[in-house]
Amino acid sequence: MKNVSIADAKARLSELVERAESGDQICITRRGKPVAKLVSVDSLREPIDMARLRAVTADMPKQRQSAGPFVRKMRDEDRY
């Protein structure tokens, strides 16, 4: 397990995440003391069932107006 300071972890986060994905464990330290560990996730996400997703969205009602005016109206009414 490699020790990395918080400052180094902030500067090289993408690289450290890639190393964790490949199986390395990274210990993040503050003033030389371990405070966190970066490891890969044990289980991968399940693939999306596209047929089921299409079936769900096909039953949804269509919006009465297009997205642009709808979002503009929400923004103007401060409802976001």
C-alpha atoms as a PDB file:
ATOM      1  CA  MET A   1       0.000   0.000   0.000  1.00  0.00           C
ATOM      2  CA  LYS A   2       1.398   3.374  -1.004  1.00  0.00           C
ATOM      3  CA  ASN A   3       1.100   6.406   1.283  1.00  0.00           C
ATOM      4  CA  VAL A   4       0.152   9.725  -0.325  1.00  0.00           C
ATOM      5  CA  SER A   5      -0.372  13.081   1.392  1.00  0.00           C
ATOM      6  CA  ILE A   6      -3.691  14.863   0.984  1.00  0.00           C
ATOM      7  CA  ALA A   7      -2.016  17.608  -1.069  1.00  0.00           C
ATOM      8  CA  ASP A   8      -0.483  15.042  -3.454  1.00  0.00           C
ATOM      9  CA  ALA A   9      -3.791  13.152  -3.655  1.00  0.00           C
ATOM     10  CA  LYS A  10      -5.611  16.350  -4.651  1.00  0.00           C
ATOM     11  CA  ALA A  11      -3.044  17.077  -7.336  1.00  0.00           C
ATOM     12  CA  ARG A  12      -2.961  13.515  -8.735  1.00  0.00           C
ATOM     13  CA  LEU A  13      -6.480  12.233  -8.041  1.00  0.00           C
ATOM     14  CA  SER A  14      -7.141  10.905 -11.552  1.00  0.00           C
ATOM     15  CA  GLU A  15      -3.906   8.918 -11.547  1.00  0.00           C
ATOM     16  CA  LEU A  16      -4.607   7.517  -8.067  1.00  0.00           C
ATOM     17  CA  VAL A  17      -8.136   6.473  -9.042  1.00  0.00           C
ATOM     18  CA  GLU A  18      -6.773   4.634 -12.081  1.00  0.00           C
ATOM     19  CA  ARG A  19      -4.254   2.846  -9.861  1.00  0.00           C
ATOM     20  CA  ALA A  20      -7.014   1.897  -7.415  1.00  0.00           C
ATOM     21  CA  GLU A  21      -9.109   0.557 -10.307  1.00  0.00           C
ATOM     22  CA  SER A  22      -6.195  -1.670 -11.298  1.00  0.00           C
ATOM     23  CA  GLY A  23      -6.027  -3.126  -7.786  1.00  0.00           C
ATOM     24  CA  ASP A  24      -3.572  -0.913  -5.886  1.00  0.00           C
ATOM     25  CA  GLN A  25      -4.479   0.392  -2.455  1.00  0.00           C
ATOM     26  CA  ILE A  26      -3.551   3.981  -1.676  1.00  0.00           C
ATOM     27  CA  CYS A  27      -3.413   5.293   1.874  1.00  0.00           C
ATOM     28  CA  ILE A  28      -4.076   9.041   2.120  1.00  0.00           C
ATOM     29  CA  THR A  29      -2.286  10.713   5.001  1.00  0.00           C
ATOM     30  CA  ARG A  30      -2.540  14.003   6.880  1.00  0.00           C
ATOM     31  CA  ARG A  31       0.645  15.070   8.631  1.00  0.00           C
ATOM     32  CA  GLY A  32       1.982  11.556   8.177  1.00  0.00           C
ATOM     33  CA  LYS A  33      -0.996   9.796   9.782  1.00  0.00           C
ATOM     34  CA  PRO A  34      -3.402   7.643   7.723  1.00  0.00           C
ATOM     35  CA  VAL A  35      -6.869   9.208   7.359  1.00  0.00           C
ATOM     36  CA  ALA A  36      -8.386   7.455   4.324  1.00  0.00           C
ATOM     37  CA  LYS A  37      -7.844   4.537   1.978  1.00  0.00           C
ATOM     38  CA  LEU A  38      -8.517   4.545  -1.764  1.00  0.00           C
ATOM     39  CA  VAL A  39      -9.429   1.102  -3.108  1.00  0.00           C
ATOM     40  CA  SER A  40     -11.395  -0.269  -6.043  1.00  0.00           C
ATOM     41  CA  VAL A  41     -15.073  -1.118  -5.695  1.00  0.00           C
ATOM     42  CA  ASP A  42     -15.683  -4.832  -5.207  1.00  0.00           C
ATOM     43  CA  SER A  43     -18.785  -5.154  -7.344  1.00  0.00           C
ATOM     44  CA  LEU A  44     -19.373  -3.647 -10.732  1.00  0.00           C
ATOM     45  CA  ARG A  45     -22.648  -1.995 -11.663  1.00  0.00           C
ATOM     46  CA  GLU A  46     -25.218  -4.195 -13.302  1.00  0.00           C
ATOM     47  CA  PRO A  47     -25.689  -3.566 -17.020  1.00  0.00           C
ATOM     48  CA  ILE A  48     -28.763  -1.584 -18.024  1.00  0.00           C
ATOM     49  CA  ASP A  49     -31.572  -3.641 -19.535  1.00  0.00           C
ATOM     50  CA  MET A  50     -32.387  -1.447 -22.534  1.00  0.00           C
ATOM     51  CA  ALA A  51     -35.606  -3.290 -23.390  1.00  0.00           C
ATOM     52  CA  ARG A  52     -36.934  -2.704 -19.878  1.00  0.00           C
ATOM     53  CA  LEU A  53     -35.862   0.953 -19.951  1.00  0.00           C
ATOM     54  CA  ARG A  54     -37.625   1.492 -23.285  1.00  0.00           C
ATOM     55  CA  ALA A  55     -40.766  -0.184 -21.910  1.00  0.00           C
ATOM     56  CA  VAL A  56     -40.802   2.137 -18.902  1.00  0.00           C
ATOM     57  CA  THR A  57     -40.190   5.304 -20.893  1.00  0.00           C
ATOM     58  CA  ALA A  58     -42.709   4.360 -23.596  1.00  0.00           C
ATOM     59  CA  ASP A  59     -45.498   4.550 -20.994  1.00  0.00           C
ATOM     60  CA  MET A  60     -44.478   8.025 -19.818  1.00  0.00           C
ATOM     61  CA  PRO A  61     -46.620  10.905 -21.010  1.00  0.00           C
ATOM     62  CA  LYS A  62     -45.024  13.382 -23.414  1.00  0.00           C
ATOM     63  CA  GLN A  63     -44.318  16.922 -22.196  1.00  0.00           C
ATOM     64  CA  ARG A  64     -46.740  19.537 -23.488  1.00  0.00           C
ATOM     65  CA  GLN A  65     -43.982  22.012 -24.223  1.00  0.00           C
ATOM     66  CA  SER A  66     -40.380  21.675 -25.326  1.00  0.00           C
ATOM     67  CA  ALA A  67     -37.578  21.611 -22.780  1.00  0.00           C
ATOM     68  CA  GLY A  68     -36.249  25.127 -23.517  1.00  0.00           C
ATOM     69  CA  PRO A  69     -39.399  27.075 -22.610  1.00  0.00           C
ATOM     70  CA  PHE A  70     -40.105  24.682 -19.723  1.00  0.00           C
ATOM     71  CA  VAL A  71     -36.683  25.251 -18.113  1.00  0.00           C
ATOM     72  CA  ARG A  72     -36.849  28.993 -18.809  1.00  0.00           C
ATOM     73  CA  LYS A  73     -40.222  29.172 -17.048  1.00  0.00           C
ATOM     74  CA  MET A  74     -38.870  27.238 -14.046  1.00  0.00           C
ATOM     75  CA  ARG A  75     -35.843  29.535 -13.896  1.00  0.00           C
ATOM     76  CA  ASP A  76     -37.963  32.668 -14.134  1.00  0.00           C
ATOM     77  CA  GLU A  77     -40.237  31.416 -11.352  1.00  0.00           C
ATOM     78  CA  ASP A  78     -37.234  30.484  -9.152  1.00  0.00           C
ATOM     79  CA  ARG A  79     -38.416  26.875  -8.874  1.00  0.00           C
ATOM     80  CA  TYR A  80     -35.163  25.045  -9.540  1.00  0.00           C
END
